[in-house]
Amino acid sequence: QVQLVESGGGLVQAGGSLRLSCAASGSTRNINTMGWYRQAPGKQRELVAAITRGYSTNYGDSVKGRFTVSRDNAKNTVYLQMNSLKPEDTGAYYCNAQGITGFSLTTLNYWGQGTQVTVSS
């Protein structure tokens, strides 16, 4: 099992910045990709950004050029630097960790409890 603990959410004005952190603990050696998803009220959960253990990144179209995902493999921690925030960035942000384990290639998929980000106009 892997436990994910998020921090860094809060209330910020449009145009401001926030930095989210997510620390993973437990059986982390089979985790490859870590990242962030978000969910606004009444909407589906969507990818914000993800990063592999080898530092390849993937971003949702709406955050490209504004958000930066990074990770510290030694600390099993992923970060999300959010700049030029917009009201439409408001939502619950969830840390995610994915990997594969065993000869049967069982997929692993873990979620944090979420941290709220609210951007006021």
C-alpha atoms as a PDB file:
ATOM      1  CA  GLN A   1       0.000   0.000   0.000  1.00  0.00           C
ATOM      2  CA  VAL A   2       0.984   3.586  -0.646  1.00  0.00           C
ATOM      3  CA  GLN A   3      -0.210   6.557   1.334  1.00  0.00           C
ATOM      4  CA  LEU A   4      -0.329  10.022  -0.238  1.00  0.00           C
ATOM      5  CA  VAL A   5      -0.454  13.198   1.846  1.00  0.00           C
ATOM      6  CA  GLU A   6      -1.136  16.494   0.103  1.00  0.00           C
ATOM      7  CA  SER A   7      -0.486  20.016   1.321  1.00  0.00           C
ATOM      8  CA  GLY A   8      -0.459  23.564  -0.008  1.00  0.00           C
ATOM      9  CA  GLY A   9      -4.009  24.300  -1.096  1.00  0.00           C
ATOM     10  CA  GLY A  10      -5.829  27.462  -0.166  1.00  0.00           C
ATOM     11  CA  LEU A  11      -7.496  30.658  -1.325  1.00  0.00           C
ATOM     12  CA  VAL A  12      -5.729  32.954  -3.771  1.00  0.00           C
ATOM     13  CA  GLN A  13      -6.703  35.835  -6.011  1.00  0.00           C
ATOM     14  CA  ALA A  14      -6.724  35.477  -9.773  1.00  0.00           C
ATOM     15  CA  GLY A  15      -3.228  35.910 -11.158  1.00  0.00           C
ATOM     16  CA  GLY A  16      -1.643  34.573  -7.999  1.00  0.00           C
ATOM     17  CA  SER A  17       0.373  31.448  -7.338  1.00  0.00           C
ATOM     18  CA  LEU A  18       0.200  28.351  -5.162  1.00  0.00           C
ATOM     19  CA  ARG A  19       2.457  25.348  -4.705  1.00  0.00           C
ATOM     20  CA  LEU A  20       1.065  21.940  -3.880  1.00  0.00           C
ATOM     21  CA  SER A  21       3.109  19.090  -2.423  1.00  0.00           C
ATOM     22  CA  CYS A  22       2.335  15.391  -2.144  1.00  0.00           C
ATOM     23  CA  ALA A  23       4.483  12.989  -0.154  1.00  0.00           C
ATOM     24  CA  ALA A  24       4.201   9.255  -0.753  1.00  0.00           C
ATOM     25  CA  SER A  25       5.003   6.644   1.868  1.00  0.00           C
ATOM     26  CA  GLY A  26       4.731   2.889   2.152  1.00  0.00           C
ATOM     27  CA  SER A  27       5.508   0.528  -0.738  1.00  0.00           C
ATOM     28  CA  THR A  28       6.710   3.177  -3.166  1.00  0.00           C
ATOM     29  CA  ARG A  29       9.330   1.222  -5.100  1.00  0.00           C
ATOM     30  CA  ASN A  30       6.810   0.122  -7.761  1.00  0.00           C
ATOM     31  CA  ILE A  31       5.417   3.614  -8.259  1.00  0.00           C
ATOM     32  CA  ASN A  32       6.454   5.165 -11.578  1.00  0.00           C
ATOM     33  CA  THR A  33       4.099   8.040 -12.328  1.00  0.00           C
ATOM     34  CA  MET A  34       2.938  10.649  -9.837  1.00  0.00           C
ATOM     35  CA  GLY A  35       0.753  13.587 -10.574  1.00  0.00           C
ATOM     36  CA  TRP A  36      -2.261  15.728  -9.934  1.00  0.00           C
ATOM     37  CA  TYR A  37      -5.885  15.604 -10.968  1.00  0.00           C
ATOM     38  CA  ARG A  38      -8.604  18.095 -10.118  1.00  0.00           C
ATOM     39  CA  GLN A  39     -12.345  18.066  -9.845  1.00  0.00           C
ATOM     40  CA  ALA A  40     -14.610  21.080  -9.884  1.00  0.00           C
ATOM     41  CA  PRO A  41     -18.198  20.877  -8.588  1.00  0.00           C
ATOM     42  CA  GLY A  42     -20.417  19.124 -11.101  1.00  0.00           C
ATOM     43  CA  LYS A  43     -17.515  18.175 -13.348  1.00  0.00           C
ATOM     44  CA  GLN A  44     -15.478  15.057 -13.956  1.00  0.00           C
ATOM     45  CA  ARG A  45     -12.042  14.607 -12.470  1.00  0.00           C
ATOM     46  CA  GLU A  46      -9.398  15.678 -14.998  1.00  0.00           C
ATOM     47  CA  LEU A  47      -5.652  15.386 -15.383  1.00  0.00           C
ATOM     48  CA  VAL A  48      -3.709  18.469 -14.380  1.00  0.00           C
ATOM     49  CA  ALA A  49      -0.142  17.209 -14.672  1.00  0.00           C
ATOM     50  CA  ALA A  50       1.867  14.031 -14.239  1.00  0.00           C
ATOM     51  CA  ILE A  51       5.549  13.133 -14.105  1.00  0.00           C
ATOM     52  CA  THR A  52       7.334   9.811 -14.376  1.00  0.00           C
ATOM     53  CA  ARG A  53      10.245   8.611 -12.285  1.00  0.00           C
ATOM     54  CA  GLY A  54      12.413   9.524 -15.281  1.00  0.00           C
ATOM     55  CA  TYR A  55      10.996  13.083 -15.283  1.00  0.00           C
ATOM     56  CA  SER A  56       8.839  12.856 -18.401  1.00  0.00           C
ATOM     57  CA  THR A  57       5.862  15.172 -17.980  1.00  0.00           C
ATOM     58  CA  ASN A  58       2.315  15.437 -19.266  1.00  0.00           C
ATOM     59  CA  TYR A  59      -0.049  18.392 -18.783  1.00  0.00           C
ATOM     60  CA  GLY A  60      -3.717  19.059 -19.262  1.00  0.00           C
ATOM     61  CA  ASP A  61      -4.303  21.533 -22.077  1.00  0.00           C
ATOM     62  CA  SER A  62      -5.836  24.172 -19.819  1.00  0.00           C
ATOM     63  CA  VAL A  63      -2.740  24.474 -17.594  1.00  0.00           C
ATOM     64  CA  LYS A  64       0.079  24.290 -20.129  1.00  0.00           C
ATOM     65  CA  GLY A  65       2.440  27.221 -19.738  1.00  0.00           C
ATOM     66  CA  ARG A  66       1.077  28.115 -16.289  1.00  0.00           C
ATOM     67  CA  PHE A  67       1.635  25.042 -14.122  1.00  0.00           C
ATOM     68  CA  THR A  68       4.834  23.075 -13.579  1.00  0.00           C
ATOM     69  CA  VAL A  69       5.040  19.585 -12.123  1.00  0.00           C
ATOM     70  CA  SER A  70       8.251  18.310 -10.536  1.00  0.00           C
ATOM     71  CA  ARG A  71       9.331  15.517  -8.230  1.00  0.00           C
ATOM     72  CA  ASP A  72      12.037  14.536  -5.801  1.00  0.00           C
ATOM     73  CA  ASN A  73      12.521  10.799  -6.149  1.00  0.00           C
ATOM     74  CA  ALA A  74      14.662  10.602  -3.015  1.00  0.00           C
ATOM     75  CA  LYS A  75      11.801  12.079  -0.991  1.00  0.00           C
ATOM     76  CA  ASN A  76       8.998  10.347  -2.937  1.00  0.00           C
ATOM     77  CA  THR A  77       7.394  13.752  -3.286  1.00  0.00           C
ATOM     78  CA  VAL A  78       5.703  15.447  -6.214  1.00  0.00           C
ATOM     79  CA  TYR A  79       5.089  19.171  -6.489  1.00  0.00           C
ATOM     80  CA  LEU A  80       2.766  21.342  -8.537  1.00  0.00           C
ATOM     81  CA  GLN A  81       3.709  24.977  -9.005  1.00  0.00           C
ATOM     82  CA  MET A  82       0.637  26.883 -10.155  1.00  0.00           C
ATOM     83  CA  ASN A  83       1.119  30.374 -11.576  1.00  0.00           C
ATOM     84  CA  SER A  84      -1.265  32.832 -13.222  1.00  0.00           C
ATOM     85  CA  LEU A  85      -4.184  31.141 -11.505  1.00  0.00           C
ATOM     86  CA  LYS A  86      -7.672  31.652 -12.896  1.00  0.00           C
ATOM     87  CA  PRO A  87     -11.086  31.246 -11.246  1.00  0.00           C
ATOM     88  CA  GLU A  88     -11.658  28.198 -13.463  1.00  0.00           C
ATOM     89  CA  ASP A  89      -8.705  26.509 -11.734  1.00  0.00           C
ATOM     90  CA  THR A  90     -10.855  26.248  -8.620  1.00  0.00           C
ATOM     91  CA  GLY A  91     -11.473  22.724  -7.416  1.00  0.00           C
ATOM     92  CA  ALA A  92     -10.288  19.847  -5.298  1.00  0.00           C
ATOM     93  CA  TYR A  93      -6.794  18.756  -6.305  1.00  0.00           C
ATOM     94  CA  TYR A  94      -5.942  15.102  -5.832  1.00  0.00           C
ATOM     95  CA  CYS A  95      -2.496  13.565  -5.775  1.00  0.00           C
ATOM     96  CA  ASN A  96      -2.189  10.334  -7.769  1.00  0.00           C
ATOM     97  CA  ALA A  97       0.447   7.618  -7.891  1.00  0.00           C
ATOM     98  CA  GLN A  98       0.545   4.815 -10.452  1.00  0.00           C
ATOM     99  CA  GLY A  99       2.746   1.828 -11.089  1.00  0.00           C
ATOM    100  CA  ILE A 100       2.953  -1.843 -11.973  1.00  0.00           C
ATOM    101  CA  THR A 101       3.957  -4.763  -9.797  1.00  0.00           C
ATOM    102  CA  GLY A 102       4.550  -8.492 -10.006  1.00  0.00           C
ATOM    103  CA  PHE A 103       4.863 -11.033 -12.798  1.00  0.00           C
ATOM    104  CA  SER A 104       1.195 -10.533 -13.590  1.00  0.00           C
ATOM    105  CA  LEU A 105       1.827  -6.810 -14.108  1.00  0.00           C
ATOM    106  CA  THR A 106      -0.846  -5.756 -11.675  1.00  0.00           C
ATOM    107  CA  THR A 107      -1.574  -2.060 -12.005  1.00  0.00           C
ATOM    108  CA  LEU A 108      -1.318   0.155  -8.953  1.00  0.00           C
ATOM    109  CA  ASN A 109      -3.358   3.318  -8.600  1.00  0.00           C
ATOM    110  CA  TYR A 110      -3.471   5.374  -5.412  1.00  0.00           C
ATOM    111  CA  TRP A 111      -5.190   8.646  -4.524  1.00  0.00           C
ATOM    112  CA  GLY A 112      -4.686  11.263  -1.881  1.00  0.00           C
ATOM    113  CA  GLN A 113      -7.578  12.754   0.060  1.00  0.00           C
ATOM    114  CA  GLY A 114      -7.489  16.003  -1.893  1.00  0.00           C
ATOM    115  CA  THR A 115      -6.701  19.608  -1.139  1.00  0.00           C
ATOM    116  CA  GLN A 116      -8.956  22.529  -2.040  1.00  0.00           C
ATOM    117  CA  VAL A 117      -7.770  25.313  -4.306  1.00  0.00           C
ATOM    118  CA  THR A 118     -10.020  28.342  -4.620  1.00  0.00           C
ATOM    119  CA  VAL A 119      -9.206  31.198  -6.979  1.00  0.00           C
ATOM    120  CA  SER A 120     -11.215  34.357  -6.488  1.00  0.00           C
ATOM    121  CA  SER A 121     -11.853  36.820  -9.311  1.00  0.00           C
END
